[in-house]
Protein backbone atom coordinates (compact mmCIF):
# COMPACT_ATOMS: atom_id res chain seq x y z
CA MET A 1 145.42 98.64 95.89
CA CYS A 2 147.10 96.05 97.08
CA ARG A 3 148.83 95.14 93.81
CA ALA A 4 149.70 98.75 92.91
CA VAL A 5 151.36 99.22 95.91
CA ARG A 6 153.36 95.64 95.81
CA GLU A 7 154.41 97.28 92.11
CA GLN A 8 155.84 99.82 93.78
CA ALA A 9 156.73 99.28 97.82
CA TRP A 10 156.13 96.65 99.98
CA ALA A 11 153.79 98.54 102.20
CA ALA A 12 151.53 101.43 102.26
CA ARG A 13 150.86 104.43 104.45
CA THR A 14 146.93 104.14 105.67
CA PRO A 15 145.60 106.01 108.61
CA GLN A 16 145.48 103.27 110.83
CA GLY A 17 149.10 102.27 110.20
CA PRO A 18 151.11 100.64 107.78
CA LEU A 19 150.02 97.99 105.53
CA VAL A 20 152.52 95.20 104.32
CA VAL A 21 151.54 93.57 101.33
CA THR A 22 154.46 91.39 99.85
CA HIS A 23 154.74 87.95 100.84
CA SER A 24 158.27 87.57 101.84
CA ASP A 25 157.72 90.64 104.34
CA VAL A 26 154.56 89.79 105.29
CA ASN A 27 155.67 86.30 106.41
CA GLU A 28 159.02 87.80 108.39
CA LEU A 29 156.96 90.05 109.94
CA LEU A 30 154.68 87.36 111.00
CA ARG A 31 157.25 85.25 112.36
CA TYR A 32 159.59 87.88 114.25
CA PRO A 33 159.88 86.46 117.94
CA GLU A 34 157.48 87.36 120.24
CA GLU A 35 159.73 89.49 122.51
CA GLN A 36 160.02 92.53 119.20
CA MET A 37 156.71 91.65 117.54
CA VAL A 38 153.42 90.77 119.75
CA GLU A 39 149.58 90.61 118.40
CA MET A 40 148.27 93.66 117.71
CA ASP A 41 145.95 94.79 120.82
CA ILE A 42 142.44 93.51 120.56
CA VAL A 43 141.12 97.25 121.71
CA THR A 44 143.24 98.75 118.76
CA MET A 45 141.98 96.21 116.28
CA LEU A 46 137.95 96.39 117.48
CA ARG A 47 137.93 100.27 117.10
CA PRO A 48 139.17 101.24 113.74
CA GLU A 49 138.10 105.04 112.74
CA THR A 50 136.21 104.87 115.33
CA ASP A 51 135.71 105.80 119.09
CA GLU A 52 133.70 102.45 120.19
CA ASP A 53 132.43 101.89 123.95
CA LEU A 54 133.72 99.21 124.84
CA SER A 55 133.94 99.26 129.05
CA SER A 56 130.49 96.90 129.53
CA PRO A 57 131.05 94.13 131.68
CA ALA A 58 130.24 91.70 129.20
CA LEU A 59 132.85 93.08 126.97
CA GLN A 60 135.31 93.43 129.27
CA ASP A 61 135.26 89.49 129.68
CA TRP A 62 135.05 88.70 126.32
CA LEU A 63 138.10 91.07 125.44
CA ALA A 64 139.90 89.32 128.65
CA ALA A 65 139.56 85.97 127.07
CA LEU A 66 140.65 87.23 124.12
CA ARG A 67 143.90 88.48 125.60
CA LEU A 68 145.11 84.68 126.91
CA PHE A 69 145.93 83.96 123.26
CA MET A 70 147.65 87.28 122.09
CA GLY A 71 149.56 88.65 125.32
CA PRO A 72 153.04 88.89 124.67
CA ASP A 73 153.82 87.91 128.25
CA SER A 74 154.46 84.30 129.78
CA GLN A 75 151.10 83.43 130.05
CA HIS A 76 150.40 83.25 126.78
CA VAL A 77 153.44 81.54 125.59
CA ARG A 78 152.40 78.75 128.73
CA LEU A 79 148.92 78.58 127.47
CA ARG A 80 149.67 78.16 123.75
CA LYS A 81 152.25 75.16 124.58
CA LEU A 82 149.59 73.52 126.59
CA CYS A 83 146.81 73.94 123.91
CA SER A 84 149.23 72.86 121.14
CA THR A 85 149.91 69.25 123.08
CA LEU A 86 146.13 69.08 122.91
CA PHE A 87 145.50 69.91 119.18
CA ARG A 88 148.51 68.59 117.71
CA PRO A 89 147.63 66.90 113.78
CA SER A 90 148.22 63.13 115.33
CA VAL A 91 145.36 64.07 117.63
CA ILE A 92 143.53 65.64 114.93
CA ASP A 93 143.64 62.61 112.62
CA GLY A 94 141.84 60.94 114.92
CA TRP A 95 138.67 62.70 115.19
CA ARG A 96 138.66 63.04 111.25
CA PRO A 97 135.65 59.71 111.18
CA LEU A 98 133.91 62.05 113.56
CA MET A 99 133.80 64.86 110.98
CA ARG A 100 132.93 63.18 108.10
CA ASP A 101 129.84 61.29 110.46
CA VAL A 102 128.92 65.13 111.36
CA ALA A 103 129.28 66.20 107.50
CA GLU A 104 126.72 63.42 106.35
CA ARG A 105 124.56 63.78 108.75
CA LEU A 106 123.31 67.08 108.48
CA ALA A 107 124.11 67.09 104.48
CA ARG A 108 121.21 64.01 104.48
CA ASP A 109 118.78 66.84 106.08
CA PHE A 110 118.61 69.21 103.01
CA ARG A 111 119.60 66.33 100.41
CA PRO A 112 116.19 65.57 98.87
CA ALA A 113 115.29 69.25 99.03
CA GLY A 114 117.81 70.13 95.96
CA ARG A 115 118.57 73.32 97.40
CA CYS A 116 119.88 74.79 100.85
CA GLY A 117 120.90 77.64 103.11
CA PHE A 118 124.18 77.13 103.37
CA VAL A 119 124.99 79.05 106.22
CA THR A 120 122.27 78.54 108.59
CA GLN A 121 122.18 74.35 107.22
CA PHE A 122 125.28 73.47 107.35
CA ALA A 123 128.54 75.82 107.76
CA ASN A 124 127.11 77.14 111.24
CA LEU A 125 125.93 73.86 112.35
CA TYR A 126 129.27 71.86 111.08
CA PRO A 127 132.18 72.78 113.06
CA ALA A 128 129.67 73.21 116.01
CA HIS A 129 129.22 69.84 116.37
CA VAL A 130 132.34 68.57 115.70
CA PHE A 131 133.41 70.75 118.54
CA ALA A 132 130.98 69.93 120.82
CA ARG A 133 132.07 66.24 120.44
CA ILE A 134 135.37 67.18 121.02
CA ILE A 135 134.86 69.38 124.24
CA GLY A 136 132.26 66.93 125.51
CA LEU A 137 129.26 68.74 124.54
CA PRO A 138 125.58 66.76 123.88
CA ASP A 139 124.21 67.13 120.58
CA GLU A 140 120.73 69.17 121.81
CA GLU A 141 122.69 71.89 123.02
CA VAL A 142 124.57 72.57 120.28
CA PRO A 143 121.89 75.19 118.52
CA ALA A 144 122.35 77.07 121.92
CA PHE A 145 126.16 77.55 122.20
CA ALA A 146 126.17 77.73 118.25
CA ARG A 147 123.76 80.76 118.06
CA TRP A 148 125.98 82.21 120.99
CA SER A 149 128.88 82.12 119.15
CA GLY A 150 128.33 83.12 116.22
CA ASP A 151 126.48 86.56 117.74
CA ILE A 152 129.53 87.05 119.69
CA GLY A 153 131.28 87.60 116.14
CA LEU A 154 129.06 90.72 115.74
CA THR A 155 131.71 92.79 118.40
CA PHE A 156 133.58 92.87 115.08
CA VAL A 157 130.88 94.63 113.10
CA ARG A 158 131.10 98.42 113.11
CA PRO A 159 129.17 100.71 113.78
CA LEU A 160 128.72 98.30 117.12
CA ALA A 161 125.54 100.11 118.50
CA PRO A 162 122.99 98.48 116.18
CA VAL A 163 124.38 94.62 117.47
CA ARG A 164 125.83 95.72 120.44
CA GLU A 165 123.05 94.12 122.62
CA ARG A 166 122.82 90.78 120.68
CA ALA A 167 126.38 90.16 121.33
CA GLU A 168 126.77 91.38 124.93
CA ALA A 169 123.84 88.88 125.33
CA ALA A 170 125.33 86.06 123.40
CA ILE A 171 128.92 86.57 125.93
CA VAL A 172 126.49 86.43 128.65
CA GLY A 173 124.95 83.48 127.28
CA LEU A 174 128.20 81.42 126.46
CA PHE A 175 130.25 82.69 129.26
CA GLY A 176 127.19 81.22 131.69
CA TYR A 177 127.28 77.77 129.62
CA VAL A 178 130.85 77.44 129.90
CA GLU A 179 131.30 77.86 133.72
CA ASP A 180 127.91 75.33 134.00
CA LEU A 181 129.84 73.21 131.41
CA ILE A 182 132.75 73.12 134.12
CA GLU A 183 131.35 72.47 137.10
CA ARG A 184 129.63 69.30 135.74
CA ARG A 185 133.18 68.39 134.47
CA ARG A 186 134.59 68.83 138.23
CA CYS A 187 131.78 66.81 139.28
CA GLU A 188 131.88 64.41 136.34
CA PRO A 189 134.94 64.30 134.52
CA ARG A 190 135.12 62.60 131.07
CA ASP A 191 137.79 61.79 128.17
CA ASP A 192 137.16 65.65 126.92
CA LEU A 193 138.79 68.36 126.83
CA ILE A 194 137.02 70.54 128.97
CA SER A 195 138.00 67.63 131.36
CA ARG A 196 141.71 67.55 130.33
CA PHE A 197 141.93 71.61 131.12
CA LEU A 198 140.43 70.56 134.69
CA GLU A 199 143.17 68.40 135.16
CA ILE A 200 145.90 70.63 134.26
CA GLU A 201 144.63 72.83 136.55
CA GLN A 202 144.65 70.36 139.37
CA GLU A 203 148.34 69.91 138.22
CA GLY A 204 149.21 73.81 138.68
CA GLY A 205 149.15 74.71 135.75
CA MET A 206 146.04 76.64 134.84
CA SER A 207 144.24 78.72 136.80
CA ALA A 208 140.41 78.28 137.51
CA ALA A 209 139.74 81.90 135.35
CA GLU A 210 141.91 80.72 132.58
CA VAL A 211 140.12 77.34 132.14
CA ARG A 212 136.64 79.64 131.77
CA GLY A 213 138.49 81.97 129.27
CA LEU A 214 140.41 79.46 127.55
CA GLY A 215 136.83 77.31 126.96
CA LEU A 216 135.19 80.21 125.83
CA ALA A 217 137.72 81.56 123.31
CA LEU A 218 138.32 77.85 122.08
CA ILE A 219 134.54 77.25 121.47
CA GLN A 220 133.99 80.62 119.85
CA ALA A 221 137.06 80.47 117.88
CA GLY A 222 136.81 76.75 116.59
CA HIS A 223 133.57 77.53 115.69
CA GLU A 224 133.35 81.41 114.00
CA THR A 225 136.51 80.93 111.99
CA THR A 226 135.69 77.40 110.70
CA LYS A 227 131.80 78.41 109.51
CA SER A 228 132.86 81.57 108.01
CA GLN A 229 136.13 80.02 106.07
CA LEU A 230 133.96 76.74 104.80
CA SER A 231 131.20 79.13 103.52
CA PHE A 232 133.63 81.34 101.38
CA SER A 233 135.19 78.18 100.17
CA VAL A 234 132.00 77.00 99.19
CA TRP A 235 131.15 80.01 97.50
CA GLY A 236 134.13 80.18 95.43
CA LEU A 237 133.75 76.76 94.45
CA THR A 238 130.43 77.17 92.55
CA ARG A 239 132.29 78.83 90.12
CA HIS A 240 134.40 75.71 89.26
CA PRO A 241 131.81 73.12 88.42
CA ALA A 242 134.46 70.32 87.54
CA VAL A 243 136.20 70.46 90.27
CA TRP A 244 133.72 70.19 92.10
CA GLY A 245 133.18 67.20 90.78
CA ARG A 246 136.92 65.94 91.12
CA LEU A 247 135.93 66.44 94.92
CA ALA A 248 133.38 63.75 95.08
CA ALA A 249 135.09 61.74 93.09
CA GLU A 250 138.51 62.31 94.58
CA PRO A 251 138.39 63.23 98.41
CA GLU A 252 142.06 62.42 98.57
CA CYS A 253 142.53 65.84 96.40
CA ALA A 254 140.98 68.18 99.11
CA LEU A 255 143.50 69.22 101.21
CA ASN A 256 145.47 71.14 98.65
CA ILE A 257 142.03 72.55 97.32
CA VAL A 258 141.37 74.01 100.75
CA ASN A 259 144.99 75.52 100.74
CA GLU A 260 144.08 77.09 97.12
CA LEU A 261 140.73 78.30 98.49
CA MET A 262 142.06 79.98 101.81
CA ARG A 263 144.80 81.57 99.21
CA LEU A 264 142.30 83.42 97.07
CA HIS A 265 139.45 83.95 100.03
CA PRO A 266 141.29 84.43 103.55
CA ILE A 267 138.78 85.44 105.98
CA ILE A 268 140.93 87.21 107.94
CA PRO A 269 142.69 89.21 105.69
CA GLU A 270 144.98 91.57 107.40
CA PRO A 271 146.33 89.77 110.95
CA GLY A 272 147.64 92.84 112.94
CA ARG A 273 150.79 93.10 114.77
CA GLN A 274 152.71 95.70 116.99
CA PRO A 275 156.39 95.95 117.57
CA ALA A 276 157.07 95.29 121.44
CA GLU A 277 159.92 97.69 120.88
CA ASP A 278 160.80 100.46 118.69
CA LEU A 279 162.56 98.21 115.47
CA VAL A 280 163.96 99.43 112.39
CA TYR A 281 162.71 97.49 109.27
CA ARG A 282 163.88 97.44 105.67
CA GLN A 283 165.45 100.75 106.44
CA VAL A 284 162.03 102.29 107.85
CA ARG A 285 161.73 103.10 112.04
CA ILE A 286 159.27 101.79 113.24
CA ARG A 287 158.10 102.66 117.03
CA ALA A 288 156.85 100.60 119.51
CA GLY A 289 153.07 99.89 119.69
CA THR A 290 152.52 101.30 116.10
CA PRO A 291 150.09 99.17 114.67
CA LEU A 292 151.14 97.07 111.57
CA PHE A 293 148.07 95.71 109.50
CA LEU A 294 149.91 92.55 107.58
CA SER A 295 147.99 91.79 104.49
CA ALA A 296 147.42 87.95 103.88
CA ALA A 297 145.36 88.69 101.23
CA ALA A 298 147.75 90.52 99.60
CA ALA A 299 150.49 87.89 100.05
CA ASN A 300 148.47 85.33 99.32
CA ARG A 301 148.09 86.79 95.74
CA ASP A 302 151.52 88.06 95.24
CA PRO A 303 153.40 87.07 91.45
CA GLU A 304 156.77 86.50 93.15
CA VAL A 305 155.40 83.24 94.74
CA PHE A 306 152.42 82.31 93.20
CA GLU A 307 152.48 81.87 89.47
CA GLU A 308 149.08 83.32 87.62
CA PRO A 309 148.18 84.20 91.51
CA ASP A 310 144.57 85.31 90.45
CA ARG A 311 143.75 82.13 89.20
CA PHE A 312 142.42 79.20 91.01
CA ASP A 313 144.59 76.30 90.07
CA PRO A 314 143.93 73.08 92.26
CA ASP A 315 146.93 71.29 91.59
CA ARG A 316 149.04 74.40 92.48
CA ALA A 317 152.11 72.77 93.90
CA ASN A 318 152.81 75.64 96.49
CA SER A 319 149.51 76.14 97.72
CA ALA A 320 150.47 75.43 101.61
CA LYS A 321 152.65 78.84 101.24
CA GLN A 322 149.04 80.89 102.01
CA LEU A 323 149.13 82.94 104.70
CA GLY A 324 145.27 82.45 105.90
CA PHE A 325 146.66 80.82 109.37
CA GLY A 326 149.48 83.42 110.09
CA ALA A 327 152.70 82.08 110.71
CA GLY A 328 155.22 82.48 113.56
CA PRO A 329 154.67 82.62 117.44
CA HIS A 330 150.60 83.27 117.17
CA TYR A 331 150.04 81.01 114.98
CA CYS A 332 146.98 79.79 114.17
CA LEU A 333 146.36 76.89 117.22
CA GLY A 334 143.39 75.75 115.28
CA ALA A 335 144.66 75.41 111.84
CA SER A 336 145.33 72.10 111.69
CA LEU A 337 141.81 71.21 112.98
CA ALA A 338 140.29 73.52 110.66
CA ARG A 339 142.08 72.39 107.40
CA ALA A 340 141.02 68.79 108.56
CA GLU A 341 136.94 69.81 109.06
CA MET A 342 136.99 71.34 105.54
CA ALA A 343 139.35 68.61 103.84
CA GLU A 344 136.66 65.94 105.10
CA ALA A 345 133.41 68.31 104.88
CA LEU A 346 133.72 69.57 101.15
CA PRO A 347 133.73 65.69 99.66
CA VAL A 348 130.99 65.04 101.14
CA LEU A 349 129.12 68.22 100.13
CA ALA A 350 130.12 67.46 97.02
CA GLN A 351 128.65 63.73 96.45
CA THR A 352 125.62 65.16 98.19
CA MET A 353 125.29 68.00 95.96
CA PRO A 354 126.05 67.42 92.81
CA ASN A 355 125.64 70.00 89.82
CA VAL A 356 125.76 72.65 92.48
CA ARG A 357 124.34 76.10 91.48
CA LEU A 358 124.80 79.64 92.92
CA LEU A 359 121.38 81.52 93.70
CA GLU A 360 122.55 84.35 96.21
CA PHE A 361 125.88 84.90 98.21
CA ARG A 362 125.91 88.09 101.11
CA GLU A 363 128.73 89.13 102.97
CA VAL A 364 128.04 90.46 106.31
CA GLU A 365 128.61 94.30 105.83
CA GLY A 366 130.62 96.40 108.61
CA GLN A 367 132.40 93.45 109.69
CA HIS A 368 136.10 94.15 110.85
CA THR A 369 138.73 92.05 111.08
CA ILE A 370 137.29 88.73 110.36
CA ARG A 371 134.86 88.27 106.93
CA ARG A 372 131.40 86.66 107.60
CA ALA A 373 129.17 85.00 105.02
CA GLU A 374 125.34 86.08 105.80
CA ALA A 375 124.11 84.16 103.20
CA LEU A 376 124.61 81.16 100.77
CA ARG A 377 121.73 79.99 99.24
CA LEU A 378 122.86 76.88 96.84
CA GLU A 379 120.43 74.51 94.73
CA PHE A 380 121.79 71.28 93.71
CA ASP A 381 120.71 67.99 91.58
CA PRO A 382 118.49 66.18 94.10
CA ALA A 383 118.64 63.02 95.14
């Protein structure tokens, strides 16, 4: 559909709102200043074509945490500025040895078997263990918070009713865990992210509610998005055995390959925006509050930007122009972290799982906003 639309226009009308499909327009609208364009309201985002009840205390807590990053006001700008200093590339580069260590340790567990359930045995655990070290969690507590984080992602499933109880239990569990962790760090500060948030709180830069909400949102976002993108990336690489072998031999090529995989398989295919005020764009009047769906998936395959856009090219010179992390005021805060995690993990996996073959791949059905892999079973030559 998007390809046919792009040949005739820059956007298509849908029942939910305009779907923007060209790279230049998606990129421009993502970069609009926040006074004119805000991230789509989370309730609008979570209620496509349905009237889901989102009024429970657990869901309201979760929506409030998400809005810390999504609001158009000064709070959002202030918190993004604080977090951006904690996730700058120079800091993340210092975490790369940790990433390799976690990847090697997890891969060793399934290497002798010659097969693995990748989502459960690696993708779910790898970003959880990395982020746990960053925020100061002991390894033995990682499985619980990884389970809660994954189940919170069920809030994006439609219909919600069959998974509501599980999603709400995960929100309650993770919020309780974060609150306990904050109290532990108040008593015993450490060199970790939560302790740094508490320092900022004491300096007057954050409220207690913001520390709580930000801790929860970062844990869930830092885990779920990398888990999903890594799963889709490995699935994509099973169709390119020569590139898999190259990753094992030339780890330095991983970053460009990560960008190319994200170009073809973005897990957030249509980030949403809404005009903060009436505006005219490309001679079209768009009313304030109109949902705009900016198709990163279509933009990433725009032939005006990417030659032979449907072809996987591990050496594509402009693969970094992919919009899987968004752009502009709401560019993904964890982009550098997620990119580094994948670039460190893929060579380790290629070395651990030579001659990898796909046995099964299933995507979660009914998932809205973010794509999630349900199963990715692989076999490979055992050690």
